[in-house]
N, C-alpha and C. Protein backbone atom coordinates (compact mmCIF):
# COMPACT_ATOMS: atom_id res chain seq x y z
N MET A 1 -4.83 -18.12 1.01
CA MET A 1 -5.27 -16.79 1.39
C MET A 1 -4.66 -15.81 0.40
N ASN A 2 -5.47 -14.89 -0.08
CA ASN A 2 -4.95 -13.84 -0.93
C ASN A 2 -5.55 -12.51 -0.52
N GLU A 3 -5.02 -11.44 -1.12
CA GLU A 3 -5.45 -10.11 -0.70
C GLU A 3 -6.90 -9.81 -1.02
N ASN A 4 -7.53 -10.59 -1.91
CA ASN A 4 -8.92 -10.37 -2.25
C ASN A 4 -9.87 -11.13 -1.34
N ASP A 5 -9.35 -12.01 -0.51
CA ASP A 5 -10.16 -12.77 0.43
C ASP A 5 -10.58 -11.83 1.55
N PRO A 6 -11.89 -11.69 1.81
CA PRO A 6 -12.33 -10.74 2.83
C PRO A 6 -12.03 -11.17 4.26
N ASN A 7 -11.66 -12.43 4.47
CA ASN A 7 -11.43 -12.92 5.82
C ASN A 7 -9.97 -13.28 6.04
N PRO A 8 -9.24 -12.42 6.77
CA PRO A 8 -7.86 -12.77 7.09
C PRO A 8 -7.84 -14.05 7.94
N PRO A 9 -6.68 -14.72 8.01
CA PRO A 9 -6.59 -15.97 8.76
C PRO A 9 -6.82 -15.77 10.25
N HIS A 10 -7.23 -16.81 10.89
CA HIS A 10 -7.46 -16.82 12.34
C HIS A 10 -6.10 -16.84 13.04
N LEU A 11 -5.95 -16.00 14.03
CA LEU A 11 -4.69 -15.88 14.75
C LEU A 11 -4.71 -16.76 15.99
N GLU A 12 -3.75 -17.67 16.09
CA GLU A 12 -3.59 -18.52 17.26
C GLU A 12 -2.38 -18.03 18.04
N LEU A 13 -2.64 -17.59 19.26
CA LEU A 13 -1.57 -17.08 20.12
C LEU A 13 -1.26 -18.07 21.22
N LEU A 14 0.00 -18.16 21.53
CA LEU A 14 0.43 -18.98 22.66
C LEU A 14 -0.12 -18.36 23.94
N VAL A 15 -0.60 -19.19 24.85
CA VAL A 15 -1.10 -18.66 26.11
C VAL A 15 0.03 -17.92 26.82
N PRO A 16 -0.28 -16.81 27.47
CA PRO A 16 0.79 -15.98 28.06
C PRO A 16 1.71 -16.73 29.01
N TRP A 17 1.18 -17.67 29.77
CA TRP A 17 2.03 -18.36 30.75
C TRP A 17 2.99 -19.35 30.09
N ASP A 18 2.87 -19.59 28.77
CA ASP A 18 3.81 -20.45 28.06
C ASP A 18 4.83 -19.66 27.24
N LEU A 19 4.77 -18.34 27.29
CA LEU A 19 5.74 -17.54 26.54
C LEU A 19 7.14 -17.75 27.13
N PRO A 20 8.08 -18.19 26.30
CA PRO A 20 9.43 -18.46 26.83
C PRO A 20 10.26 -17.19 26.97
N ILE A 21 11.08 -17.16 27.97
CA ILE A 21 12.06 -16.09 28.14
C ILE A 21 13.32 -16.47 27.39
N GLU A 22 13.63 -17.76 27.44
CA GLU A 22 14.71 -18.34 26.66
C GLU A 22 14.35 -19.80 26.42
N GLN A 23 14.78 -20.30 25.27
CA GLN A 23 14.46 -21.68 24.94
C GLN A 23 15.50 -22.21 23.97
N LYS A 24 16.06 -23.33 24.31
CA LYS A 24 17.03 -24.00 23.44
C LYS A 24 16.25 -24.89 22.48
N LEU A 25 16.50 -24.71 21.20
CA LEU A 25 15.79 -25.47 20.17
C LEU A 25 16.63 -26.64 19.69
N SER A 26 15.95 -27.66 19.20
CA SER A 26 16.66 -28.76 18.54
C SER A 26 17.31 -28.20 17.27
N GLU A 27 18.26 -28.93 16.74
CA GLU A 27 18.93 -28.48 15.52
C GLU A 27 17.94 -28.31 14.37
N THR A 28 16.99 -29.24 14.26
CA THR A 28 15.97 -29.16 13.21
C THR A 28 15.12 -27.91 13.38
N ASP A 29 14.66 -27.65 14.62
CA ASP A 29 13.85 -26.47 14.87
C ASP A 29 14.64 -25.19 14.67
N GLN A 30 15.93 -25.20 15.00
CA GLN A 30 16.77 -24.02 14.76
C GLN A 30 16.76 -23.66 13.27
N ILE A 31 16.88 -24.67 12.43
CA ILE A 31 16.90 -24.43 10.98
C ILE A 31 15.54 -23.91 10.52
N ILE A 32 14.48 -24.58 10.94
CA ILE A 32 13.13 -24.19 10.52
C ILE A 32 12.80 -22.77 10.98
N ILE A 33 13.07 -22.47 12.23
CA ILE A 33 12.75 -21.15 12.79
C ILE A 33 13.63 -20.08 12.14
N SER A 34 14.92 -20.35 11.98
CA SER A 34 15.81 -19.37 11.34
C SER A 34 15.36 -19.06 9.92
N GLN A 35 15.06 -20.10 9.16
CA GLN A 35 14.60 -19.89 7.78
C GLN A 35 13.32 -19.07 7.75
N SER A 36 12.40 -19.38 8.64
CA SER A 36 11.12 -18.68 8.67
C SER A 36 11.31 -17.21 9.04
N LEU A 37 12.15 -16.94 10.03
CA LEU A 37 12.39 -15.56 10.44
C LEU A 37 13.13 -14.79 9.35
N ASN A 38 14.07 -15.45 8.67
CA ASN A 38 14.75 -14.80 7.54
C ASN A 38 13.76 -14.46 6.43
N GLN A 39 12.82 -15.36 6.17
CA GLN A 39 11.80 -15.10 5.14
C GLN A 39 10.90 -13.94 5.56
N LEU A 40 10.56 -13.89 6.84
CA LEU A 40 9.75 -12.77 7.33
C LEU A 40 10.48 -11.45 7.14
N LEU A 41 11.77 -11.41 7.50
CA LEU A 41 12.54 -10.19 7.30
C LEU A 41 12.62 -9.82 5.83
N ALA A 42 12.77 -10.80 4.97
CA ALA A 42 12.80 -10.54 3.53
C ALA A 42 11.46 -9.96 3.06
N ALA A 43 10.37 -10.51 3.56
CA ALA A 43 9.04 -10.00 3.20
C ALA A 43 8.86 -8.56 3.69
N LEU A 44 9.34 -8.28 4.89
CA LEU A 44 9.21 -6.93 5.44
C LEU A 44 9.99 -5.90 4.64
N LYS A 45 11.03 -6.33 3.92
CA LYS A 45 11.83 -5.42 3.10
C LYS A 45 11.24 -5.19 1.72
N GLN A 46 10.27 -5.98 1.34
CA GLN A 46 9.69 -5.88 0.00
C GLN A 46 8.95 -4.57 -0.19
N SER A 47 9.14 -3.96 -1.36
CA SER A 47 8.37 -2.76 -1.68
C SER A 47 7.01 -3.14 -2.26
N SER A 48 6.91 -4.36 -2.75
CA SER A 48 5.65 -4.85 -3.31
C SER A 48 4.89 -5.67 -2.27
N PRO A 49 3.72 -5.17 -1.83
CA PRO A 49 2.94 -5.94 -0.87
C PRO A 49 2.53 -7.32 -1.40
N ALA A 50 2.29 -7.43 -2.70
CA ALA A 50 1.91 -8.73 -3.28
C ALA A 50 3.06 -9.73 -3.16
N THR A 51 4.28 -9.27 -3.39
CA THR A 51 5.45 -10.13 -3.25
C THR A 51 5.65 -10.53 -1.79
N ALA A 52 5.48 -9.56 -0.90
CA ALA A 52 5.61 -9.85 0.53
C ALA A 52 4.57 -10.88 0.96
N LEU A 53 3.34 -10.72 0.49
CA LEU A 53 2.27 -11.66 0.84
C LEU A 53 2.60 -13.06 0.34
N LYS A 54 3.13 -13.15 -0.87
CA LYS A 54 3.51 -14.46 -1.43
C LYS A 54 4.59 -15.13 -0.57
N ILE A 55 5.58 -14.36 -0.14
CA ILE A 55 6.65 -14.89 0.71
C ILE A 55 6.06 -15.40 2.03
N ILE A 56 5.18 -14.63 2.63
CA ILE A 56 4.57 -15.02 3.91
C ILE A 56 3.74 -16.29 3.74
N GLU A 57 2.94 -16.34 2.69
CA GLU A 57 2.10 -17.53 2.46
C GLU A 57 2.96 -18.78 2.26
N GLU A 58 4.03 -18.66 1.49
CA GLU A 58 4.93 -19.80 1.27
C GLU A 58 5.59 -20.24 2.57
N THR A 59 5.98 -19.28 3.38
CA THR A 59 6.62 -19.59 4.66
C THR A 59 5.64 -20.30 5.60
N LEU A 60 4.41 -19.81 5.65
CA LEU A 60 3.38 -20.46 6.46
C LEU A 60 3.12 -21.88 5.97
N ASP A 61 3.09 -22.07 4.67
CA ASP A 61 2.88 -23.41 4.11
C ASP A 61 4.01 -24.35 4.52
N ARG A 62 5.25 -23.86 4.48
CA ARG A 62 6.39 -24.69 4.88
C ARG A 62 6.35 -25.04 6.37
N LEU A 63 5.91 -24.09 7.18
CA LEU A 63 5.81 -24.35 8.62
C LEU A 63 4.73 -25.37 8.93
N GLY A 64 3.66 -25.34 8.16
CA GLY A 64 2.57 -26.26 8.40
C GLY A 64 1.76 -25.87 9.62
N ARG A 65 0.79 -26.68 9.93
CA ARG A 65 -0.06 -26.45 11.10
C ARG A 65 0.64 -26.97 12.36
N ILE A 66 0.25 -26.43 13.48
CA ILE A 66 0.79 -26.93 14.74
C ILE A 66 -0.31 -27.64 15.49
N GLU A 67 0.10 -28.63 16.25
CA GLU A 67 -0.86 -29.33 17.10
C GLU A 67 -0.93 -28.59 18.42
N GLY A 68 -2.13 -28.28 18.80
CA GLY A 68 -2.34 -27.59 20.05
C GLY A 68 -3.81 -27.64 20.40
N TYR A 69 -4.14 -27.16 21.55
CA TYR A 69 -5.54 -27.14 21.92
C TYR A 69 -5.88 -25.77 22.51
N PRO A 70 -7.10 -25.31 22.21
CA PRO A 70 -7.50 -23.99 22.70
C PRO A 70 -7.64 -23.95 24.21
N VAL A 71 -7.32 -22.80 24.76
CA VAL A 71 -7.44 -22.58 26.20
C VAL A 71 -8.27 -21.32 26.41
N GLU A 72 -9.33 -21.47 27.18
CA GLU A 72 -10.18 -20.32 27.51
C GLU A 72 -9.58 -19.60 28.70
N PRO A 73 -9.49 -18.28 28.63
CA PRO A 73 -8.96 -17.55 29.78
C PRO A 73 -9.93 -17.64 30.96
N THR A 74 -9.39 -17.99 32.12
CA THR A 74 -10.21 -18.04 33.33
C THR A 74 -9.82 -16.91 34.27
N SER A 75 -8.63 -16.37 34.08
CA SER A 75 -8.15 -15.26 34.88
C SER A 75 -7.24 -14.43 33.99
N THR A 76 -7.38 -13.12 34.05
CA THR A 76 -6.56 -12.28 33.17
C THR A 76 -5.31 -11.74 33.85
N LYS A 77 -5.30 -11.72 35.18
CA LYS A 77 -4.19 -11.14 35.95
C LYS A 77 -3.92 -9.70 35.51
N THR A 78 -4.99 -9.03 35.04
CA THR A 78 -4.95 -7.62 34.65
C THR A 78 -6.20 -6.95 35.19
N ALA A 79 -6.37 -5.67 34.85
CA ALA A 79 -7.59 -4.95 35.25
C ALA A 79 -8.80 -5.39 34.42
N LEU A 80 -8.57 -6.15 33.38
CA LEU A 80 -9.66 -6.60 32.51
C LEU A 80 -10.40 -7.79 33.13
N GLU A 81 -11.68 -7.81 32.89
CA GLU A 81 -12.49 -8.95 33.30
C GLU A 81 -12.33 -10.05 32.25
N THR A 82 -12.55 -11.28 32.65
CA THR A 82 -12.42 -12.42 31.72
C THR A 82 -13.34 -12.25 30.52
N TRP A 83 -14.57 -11.78 30.72
CA TRP A 83 -15.51 -11.62 29.62
C TRP A 83 -14.99 -10.58 28.62
N GLU A 84 -14.25 -9.57 29.10
CA GLU A 84 -13.71 -8.55 28.20
C GLU A 84 -12.63 -9.15 27.29
N VAL A 85 -11.81 -9.99 27.85
CA VAL A 85 -10.76 -10.65 27.07
C VAL A 85 -11.41 -11.58 26.04
N LYS A 86 -12.41 -12.36 26.47
CA LYS A 86 -13.10 -13.26 25.55
C LYS A 86 -13.78 -12.49 24.43
N ASP A 87 -14.40 -11.36 24.76
CA ASP A 87 -15.06 -10.53 23.76
C ASP A 87 -14.06 -10.00 22.74
N PHE A 88 -12.92 -9.50 23.22
CA PHE A 88 -11.86 -9.01 22.36
C PHE A 88 -11.36 -10.12 21.44
N ASP A 89 -11.08 -11.28 22.03
CA ASP A 89 -10.58 -12.42 21.25
C ASP A 89 -11.58 -12.84 20.18
N GLN A 90 -12.84 -12.88 20.53
CA GLN A 90 -13.85 -13.28 19.56
C GLN A 90 -13.96 -12.26 18.44
N TYR A 91 -13.98 -10.99 18.78
CA TYR A 91 -14.11 -9.94 17.78
C TYR A 91 -12.95 -9.98 16.78
N PHE A 92 -11.73 -10.17 17.29
CA PHE A 92 -10.56 -10.16 16.43
C PHE A 92 -10.14 -11.55 15.94
N GLU A 93 -10.98 -12.54 16.20
CA GLU A 93 -10.74 -13.92 15.77
C GLU A 93 -9.38 -14.43 16.25
N ILE A 94 -9.17 -14.29 17.54
CA ILE A 94 -7.94 -14.73 18.19
C ILE A 94 -8.30 -15.90 19.10
N SER A 95 -7.46 -16.91 19.09
CA SER A 95 -7.61 -17.97 20.08
C SER A 95 -6.26 -18.18 20.76
N HIS A 96 -6.33 -18.49 22.03
CA HIS A 96 -5.13 -18.80 22.80
C HIS A 96 -5.01 -20.32 22.85
N ILE A 97 -3.81 -20.80 22.58
CA ILE A 97 -3.62 -22.25 22.55
C ILE A 97 -2.42 -22.64 23.39
N GLN A 98 -2.41 -23.91 23.77
CA GLN A 98 -1.24 -24.52 24.37
C GLN A 98 -0.74 -25.56 23.39
N THR A 99 0.56 -25.65 23.26
CA THR A 99 1.17 -26.58 22.32
C THR A 99 2.54 -26.99 22.84
N GLU A 100 2.98 -28.14 22.39
CA GLU A 100 4.33 -28.59 22.71
C GLU A 100 5.37 -27.80 21.93
N ASN A 101 4.96 -27.28 20.78
CA ASN A 101 5.90 -26.59 19.90
C ASN A 101 5.70 -25.08 20.00
N THR A 102 6.15 -24.51 21.12
CA THR A 102 5.96 -23.08 21.35
C THR A 102 6.68 -22.21 20.32
N ALA A 103 7.84 -22.64 19.88
CA ALA A 103 8.62 -21.83 18.93
C ALA A 103 7.87 -21.68 17.61
N ILE A 104 7.37 -22.77 17.08
CA ILE A 104 6.62 -22.71 15.82
C ILE A 104 5.37 -21.87 16.00
N CYS A 105 4.70 -22.02 17.13
CA CYS A 105 3.49 -21.24 17.41
C CYS A 105 3.80 -19.74 17.40
N LEU A 106 4.88 -19.34 18.05
CA LEU A 106 5.25 -17.93 18.09
C LEU A 106 5.58 -17.40 16.70
N VAL A 107 6.32 -18.17 15.93
CA VAL A 107 6.70 -17.73 14.58
C VAL A 107 5.46 -17.68 13.68
N ARG A 108 4.60 -18.69 13.77
CA ARG A 108 3.36 -18.67 12.98
C ARG A 108 2.52 -17.45 13.32
N SER A 109 2.44 -17.10 14.61
CA SER A 109 1.59 -15.97 14.99
C SER A 109 2.10 -14.66 14.41
N ILE A 110 3.40 -14.46 14.38
CA ILE A 110 3.92 -13.21 13.81
C ILE A 110 3.74 -13.20 12.29
N LEU A 111 3.90 -14.37 11.65
CA LEU A 111 3.68 -14.45 10.21
C LEU A 111 2.21 -14.17 9.87
N VAL A 112 1.29 -14.74 10.62
CA VAL A 112 -0.14 -14.51 10.38
C VAL A 112 -0.49 -13.05 10.65
N ALA A 113 0.10 -12.46 11.68
CA ALA A 113 -0.18 -11.05 11.98
C ALA A 113 0.27 -10.16 10.81
N TYR A 114 1.45 -10.43 10.27
CA TYR A 114 1.92 -9.62 9.14
C TYR A 114 1.09 -9.91 7.88
N GLN A 115 0.74 -11.16 7.68
CA GLN A 115 -0.11 -11.52 6.55
C GLN A 115 -1.44 -10.74 6.63
N THR A 116 -2.00 -10.68 7.82
CA THR A 116 -3.26 -9.96 8.01
C THR A 116 -3.09 -8.48 7.72
N LEU A 117 -1.99 -7.89 8.17
CA LEU A 117 -1.72 -6.49 7.87
C LEU A 117 -1.63 -6.26 6.36
N LEU A 118 -0.95 -7.15 5.66
CA LEU A 118 -0.83 -7.02 4.20
C LEU A 118 -2.20 -7.12 3.52
N ILE A 119 -3.01 -8.06 3.97
CA ILE A 119 -4.34 -8.24 3.39
C ILE A 119 -5.21 -7.02 3.65
N LEU A 120 -5.22 -6.56 4.89
CA LEU A 120 -6.03 -5.39 5.23
C LEU A 120 -5.56 -4.15 4.48
N ASN A 121 -4.25 -3.99 4.34
CA ASN A 121 -3.71 -2.86 3.61
C ASN A 121 -4.14 -2.91 2.13
N ALA A 122 -4.19 -4.10 1.57
CA ALA A 122 -4.62 -4.24 0.17
C ALA A 122 -6.11 -3.96 0.02
N GLN A 123 -6.90 -4.37 1.00
CA GLN A 123 -8.35 -4.17 0.94
C GLN A 123 -8.76 -2.73 1.19
N TYR A 124 -8.05 -2.05 2.09
CA TYR A 124 -8.39 -0.69 2.48
C TYR A 124 -7.22 0.22 2.14
N HIS A 125 -7.24 0.70 0.92
CA HIS A 125 -6.10 1.45 0.39
C HIS A 125 -5.81 2.74 1.14
N GLY A 126 -6.66 3.11 2.09
CA GLY A 126 -6.48 4.36 2.80
C GLY A 126 -5.64 4.25 4.06
N LEU A 127 -5.03 3.10 4.33
CA LEU A 127 -4.23 2.97 5.54
C LEU A 127 -3.02 3.89 5.45
N ASP A 128 -2.69 4.51 6.54
CA ASP A 128 -1.60 5.48 6.62
C ASP A 128 -0.25 4.78 6.41
N PRO A 129 0.47 5.15 5.34
CA PRO A 129 1.77 4.51 5.06
C PRO A 129 2.77 4.64 6.21
N THR A 130 2.72 5.75 6.94
CA THR A 130 3.62 5.91 8.08
C THR A 130 3.31 4.89 9.16
N GLN A 131 2.04 4.66 9.41
CA GLN A 131 1.64 3.67 10.40
C GLN A 131 2.01 2.26 9.96
N ILE A 132 1.88 1.99 8.68
CA ILE A 132 2.28 0.68 8.13
C ILE A 132 3.77 0.46 8.36
N GLU A 133 4.58 1.48 8.11
CA GLU A 133 6.02 1.37 8.32
C GLU A 133 6.36 1.16 9.80
N LEU A 134 5.63 1.84 10.67
CA LEU A 134 5.84 1.63 12.10
C LEU A 134 5.49 0.19 12.50
N GLN A 135 4.42 -0.33 11.94
CA GLN A 135 4.06 -1.73 12.20
C GLN A 135 5.17 -2.66 11.73
N LYS A 136 5.69 -2.39 10.54
CA LYS A 136 6.76 -3.23 10.00
C LYS A 136 8.01 -3.18 10.90
N GLN A 137 8.33 -2.00 11.42
CA GLN A 137 9.46 -1.89 12.33
C GLN A 137 9.21 -2.71 13.60
N GLY A 138 7.96 -2.72 14.04
CA GLY A 138 7.60 -3.53 15.20
C GLY A 138 7.81 -5.01 14.94
N PHE A 139 7.45 -5.46 13.73
CA PHE A 139 7.66 -6.87 13.36
C PHE A 139 9.16 -7.20 13.35
N VAL A 140 9.97 -6.29 12.83
CA VAL A 140 11.42 -6.50 12.82
C VAL A 140 11.94 -6.64 14.25
N SER A 141 11.47 -5.78 15.14
CA SER A 141 11.89 -5.86 16.55
C SER A 141 11.48 -7.19 17.16
N TYR A 142 10.29 -7.64 16.83
CA TYR A 142 9.81 -8.91 17.36
C TYR A 142 10.66 -10.07 16.85
N VAL A 143 11.06 -10.02 15.57
CA VAL A 143 11.95 -11.04 15.02
C VAL A 143 13.24 -11.09 15.83
N HIS A 144 13.82 -9.93 16.11
CA HIS A 144 15.08 -9.89 16.86
C HIS A 144 14.90 -10.37 18.30
N LEU A 145 13.73 -10.12 18.87
CA LEU A 145 13.43 -10.67 20.19
C LEU A 145 13.42 -12.19 20.15
N LEU A 146 12.76 -12.76 19.14
CA LEU A 146 12.71 -14.23 19.02
C LEU A 146 14.10 -14.81 18.77
N VAL A 147 14.91 -14.10 18.00
CA VAL A 147 16.29 -14.55 17.76
C VAL A 147 17.05 -14.67 19.09
N ARG A 148 16.86 -13.69 19.97
CA ARG A 148 17.52 -13.75 21.28
C ARG A 148 16.94 -14.87 22.15
N VAL A 149 15.62 -14.98 22.18
CA VAL A 149 14.98 -16.00 23.01
C VAL A 149 15.43 -17.40 22.59
N PHE A 150 15.53 -17.64 21.28
CA PHE A 150 15.86 -18.96 20.77
C PHE A 150 17.34 -19.13 20.46
N GLU A 151 18.15 -18.12 20.78
CA GLU A 151 19.60 -18.18 20.57
C GLU A 151 19.95 -18.56 19.14
N LEU A 152 19.42 -17.78 18.19
CA LEU A 152 19.62 -18.05 16.76
C LEU A 152 20.55 -17.01 16.15
N HIS A 153 20.98 -17.31 14.95
CA HIS A 153 21.75 -16.38 14.13
C HIS A 153 21.07 -16.32 12.79
N LEU A 154 20.78 -15.09 12.34
CA LEU A 154 20.11 -14.92 11.05
C LEU A 154 21.13 -14.60 9.99
N GLU A 155 20.67 -14.65 8.73
CA GLU A 155 21.55 -14.31 7.61
C GLU A 155 22.04 -12.89 7.76
N GLU A 156 23.28 -12.65 7.37
CA GLU A 156 23.93 -11.34 7.55
C GLU A 156 23.16 -10.19 6.92
N ASP A 157 22.62 -10.38 5.70
CA ASP A 157 21.98 -9.28 5.01
C ASP A 157 20.63 -8.89 5.63
N ASN A 158 20.11 -9.69 6.56
CA ASN A 158 18.84 -9.36 7.18
C ASN A 158 19.01 -8.73 8.56
N ASP A 159 20.19 -8.74 9.12
CA ASP A 159 20.39 -8.20 10.47
C ASP A 159 20.38 -6.70 10.48
């Protein structure tokens, strides 16, 4: 995927009922997730969107694909009707999945979301820089949330 590709990657989100509040990771997953989150923070600090995109793409490549299966929403437990959620998901090319590897799924989803922001920002040069910075701050907050959920420690210069 590059910034000239008109189609950002498809976003796979963990089904809401599988979102962990806390989760103890294996030692291997701790290393993989920590490295990936550190790379995301490094990309978010980049002044060059092309460099940030390269970091994200390399991190996604290292994470690889996850095994999971799509889940169609049957109940939203919100004021939204099921068809409205399906319509939204289809329009934004989002699928909800269930997987054994929830941690990798969560990290992949945030990486793909930032990758998509970088691609869209490159394609549409008129995006508001203030809004882009607010989005980046949101990604940083999400990284710190995942660090707490997975009981991780990140590199000192990224905290």
